[in-house]
Amino acid sequence: MKLTVNGESHEVAAGTLAALLAELDYEGGWLATALNGEVVPARERDGCVLAEGDRIEILAPMKGG
């Protein structure tokens, strides 16, 4: 399925937001996610079903200044 992740097009097999994070190697409890502009809490990612053309934003804290 084709999705837009952080502004870039991706062809993925994942069917849920949790599976997408694993497929794209995002790890850690400090991630923030949004699906089509709506925040998705970590506890809801397993049940958050993705559809063709969805826009996902994944944010993670970074060290440095």
N, C-alpha and C. Protein backbone atom coordinates (compact mmCIF):
# COMPACT_ATOMS: atom_id res chain seq x y z
N MET A 1 0.85 -1.16 0.00
CA MET A 1 0.00 0.00 0.00
C MET A 1 0.90 1.23 0.00
N LYS A 2 0.44 2.28 -0.65
CA LYS A 2 1.22 3.51 -0.76
C LYS A 2 0.75 4.51 0.30
N LEU A 3 1.69 4.97 1.12
CA LEU A 3 1.43 5.94 2.18
C LEU A 3 2.42 7.09 2.08
N THR A 4 2.08 8.20 2.69
CA THR A 4 3.01 9.31 2.83
C THR A 4 3.43 9.37 4.28
N VAL A 5 4.73 9.17 4.52
CA VAL A 5 5.26 9.16 5.88
C VAL A 5 6.26 10.30 5.99
N ASN A 6 5.97 11.23 6.88
CA ASN A 6 6.82 12.40 7.08
C ASN A 6 7.13 13.10 5.76
N GLY A 7 6.10 13.20 4.92
CA GLY A 7 6.22 13.92 3.65
C GLY A 7 6.82 13.14 2.50
N GLU A 8 7.19 11.89 2.73
CA GLU A 8 7.79 11.06 1.68
C GLU A 8 6.91 9.87 1.36
N SER A 9 6.83 9.53 0.10
CA SER A 9 6.03 8.39 -0.34
C SER A 9 6.72 7.08 0.01
N HIS A 10 5.95 6.13 0.53
CA HIS A 10 6.47 4.80 0.89
C HIS A 10 5.49 3.75 0.42
N GLU A 11 6.02 2.65 -0.10
CA GLU A 11 5.22 1.47 -0.42
C GLU A 11 5.47 0.48 0.71
N VAL A 12 4.42 0.14 1.46
CA VAL A 12 4.58 -0.69 2.66
C VAL A 12 3.59 -1.84 2.66
N ALA A 13 3.88 -2.84 3.49
CA ALA A 13 2.99 -3.99 3.66
C ALA A 13 2.16 -3.85 4.93
N ALA A 14 2.55 -2.97 5.84
CA ALA A 14 1.90 -2.83 7.14
C ALA A 14 0.43 -2.48 7.00
N GLY A 15 -0.40 -3.06 7.88
CA GLY A 15 -1.82 -2.78 7.88
C GLY A 15 -2.27 -1.90 9.02
N THR A 16 -1.40 -1.75 10.04
CA THR A 16 -1.71 -0.91 11.19
C THR A 16 -0.57 0.06 11.44
N LEU A 17 -0.85 1.07 12.23
CA LEU A 17 0.19 2.04 12.55
C LEU A 17 1.34 1.39 13.32
N ALA A 18 1.02 0.49 14.25
CA ALA A 18 2.07 -0.22 15.00
C ALA A 18 2.96 -1.03 14.07
N ALA A 19 2.35 -1.73 13.10
CA ALA A 19 3.11 -2.53 12.15
C ALA A 19 3.97 -1.64 11.25
N LEU A 20 3.45 -0.47 10.90
CA LEU A 20 4.23 0.47 10.08
C LEU A 20 5.47 0.93 10.82
N LEU A 21 5.32 1.27 12.09
CA LEU A 21 6.48 1.70 12.88
C LEU A 21 7.54 0.61 12.91
N ALA A 22 7.13 -0.64 13.08
CA ALA A 22 8.08 -1.76 13.09
C ALA A 22 8.72 -1.93 11.72
N GLU A 23 7.91 -1.85 10.66
CA GLU A 23 8.43 -2.03 9.30
C GLU A 23 9.46 -0.96 8.94
N LEU A 24 9.25 0.26 9.42
CA LEU A 24 10.17 1.36 9.12
C LEU A 24 11.26 1.53 10.18
N ASP A 25 11.34 0.59 11.11
CA ASP A 25 12.38 0.57 12.16
C ASP A 25 12.32 1.75 13.12
N TYR A 26 11.12 2.21 13.44
CA TYR A 26 10.96 3.22 14.48
C TYR A 26 10.73 2.49 15.79
N GLU A 27 11.53 2.83 16.81
CA GLU A 27 11.43 2.18 18.11
C GLU A 27 11.45 3.22 19.20
N GLY A 28 10.93 2.84 20.34
CA GLY A 28 11.03 3.70 21.51
C GLY A 28 9.68 4.24 21.96
N GLY A 29 9.61 4.52 23.24
CA GLY A 29 8.39 5.01 23.83
C GLY A 29 8.19 6.49 23.68
N TRP A 30 9.13 7.18 23.07
CA TRP A 30 9.05 8.63 22.98
C TRP A 30 8.52 9.11 21.63
N LEU A 31 8.01 8.21 20.83
CA LEU A 31 7.49 8.59 19.52
C LEU A 31 6.12 9.24 19.65
N ALA A 32 5.87 10.21 18.80
CA ALA A 32 4.55 10.79 18.66
C ALA A 32 4.09 10.50 17.24
N THR A 33 2.83 10.11 17.08
CA THR A 33 2.33 9.76 15.76
C THR A 33 1.02 10.47 15.46
N ALA A 34 0.82 10.74 14.17
CA ALA A 34 -0.44 11.32 13.71
C ALA A 34 -0.83 10.65 12.40
N LEU A 35 -2.12 10.43 12.24
CA LEU A 35 -2.67 9.85 11.02
C LEU A 35 -3.63 10.86 10.42
N ASN A 36 -3.31 11.32 9.21
CA ASN A 36 -4.14 12.30 8.52
C ASN A 36 -4.44 13.52 9.40
N GLY A 37 -3.43 13.96 10.14
CA GLY A 37 -3.55 15.17 10.95
C GLY A 37 -4.12 14.97 12.34
N GLU A 38 -4.50 13.75 12.69
CA GLU A 38 -5.06 13.46 14.01
C GLU A 38 -4.05 12.65 14.83
N VAL A 39 -3.76 13.12 16.04
CA VAL A 39 -2.81 12.42 16.91
C VAL A 39 -3.34 11.03 17.25
N VAL A 40 -2.44 10.04 17.19
CA VAL A 40 -2.79 8.67 17.57
C VAL A 40 -1.94 8.30 18.78
N PRO A 41 -2.56 8.16 19.97
CA PRO A 41 -1.81 7.78 21.16
C PRO A 41 -1.18 6.39 21.00
N ALA A 42 -0.07 6.18 21.69
CA ALA A 42 0.67 4.91 21.59
C ALA A 42 -0.24 3.71 21.86
N ARG A 43 -1.12 3.81 22.82
CA ARG A 43 -1.98 2.67 23.18
C ARG A 43 -2.98 2.31 22.09
N GLU A 44 -3.19 3.18 21.10
CA GLU A 44 -4.16 2.94 20.04
C GLU A 44 -3.52 2.51 18.71
N ARG A 45 -2.20 2.45 18.66
CA ARG A 45 -1.52 2.16 17.39
C ARG A 45 -1.79 0.77 16.85
N ASP A 46 -1.92 -0.22 17.75
CA ASP A 46 -2.19 -1.60 17.30
C ASP A 46 -3.52 -1.70 16.57
N GLY A 47 -4.50 -0.92 16.98
CA GLY A 47 -5.82 -0.98 16.37
C GLY A 47 -6.06 0.08 15.32
N CYS A 48 -5.05 0.89 15.01
CA CYS A 48 -5.19 1.97 14.04
C CYS A 48 -4.90 1.42 12.64
N VAL A 49 -5.96 1.12 11.91
CA VAL A 49 -5.85 0.51 10.58
C VAL A 49 -5.52 1.58 9.54
N LEU A 50 -4.57 1.26 8.69
CA LEU A 50 -4.13 2.18 7.64
C LEU A 50 -4.86 1.89 6.33
N ALA A 51 -4.99 2.93 5.50
CA ALA A 51 -5.63 2.79 4.19
C ALA A 51 -4.75 3.46 3.13
N GLU A 52 -4.90 3.00 1.92
CA GLU A 52 -4.16 3.57 0.78
C GLU A 52 -4.26 5.10 0.80
N GLY A 53 -3.11 5.77 0.67
CA GLY A 53 -3.08 7.23 0.58
C GLY A 53 -3.03 7.96 1.91
N ASP A 54 -3.05 7.23 3.04
CA ASP A 54 -2.99 7.90 4.35
C ASP A 54 -1.70 8.69 4.49
N ARG A 55 -1.77 9.75 5.29
CA ARG A 55 -0.61 10.57 5.63
C ARG A 55 -0.26 10.34 7.09
N ILE A 56 0.96 9.91 7.34
CA ILE A 56 1.42 9.62 8.69
C ILE A 56 2.59 10.52 9.03
N GLU A 57 2.55 11.08 10.22
CA GLU A 57 3.68 11.85 10.75
C GLU A 57 4.22 11.09 11.95
N ILE A 58 5.54 10.91 11.99
CA ILE A 58 6.20 10.25 13.10
C ILE A 58 7.27 11.19 13.62
N LEU A 59 7.15 11.55 14.87
CA LEU A 59 8.10 12.48 15.48
C LEU A 59 8.83 11.81 16.62
N ALA A 60 10.12 12.04 16.69
CA ALA A 60 10.95 11.50 17.76
C ALA A 60 11.89 12.59 18.26
N PRO A 61 12.13 12.65 19.57
CA PRO A 61 13.06 13.66 20.09
C PRO A 61 14.47 13.37 19.59
N MET A 62 15.24 14.47 19.44
CA MET A 62 16.62 14.35 18.98
C MET A 62 17.53 15.08 19.97
N LYS A 63 18.72 14.55 20.10
CA LYS A 63 19.71 15.20 20.95
C LYS A 63 20.42 16.27 20.15
N GLY A 64 20.94 17.24 20.83
CA GLY A 64 21.71 18.27 20.15
C GLY A 64 21.05 19.62 20.22
N GLY A 65 21.64 20.58 19.59
CA GLY A 65 21.11 21.95 19.69
C GLY A 65 20.91 22.59 18.42
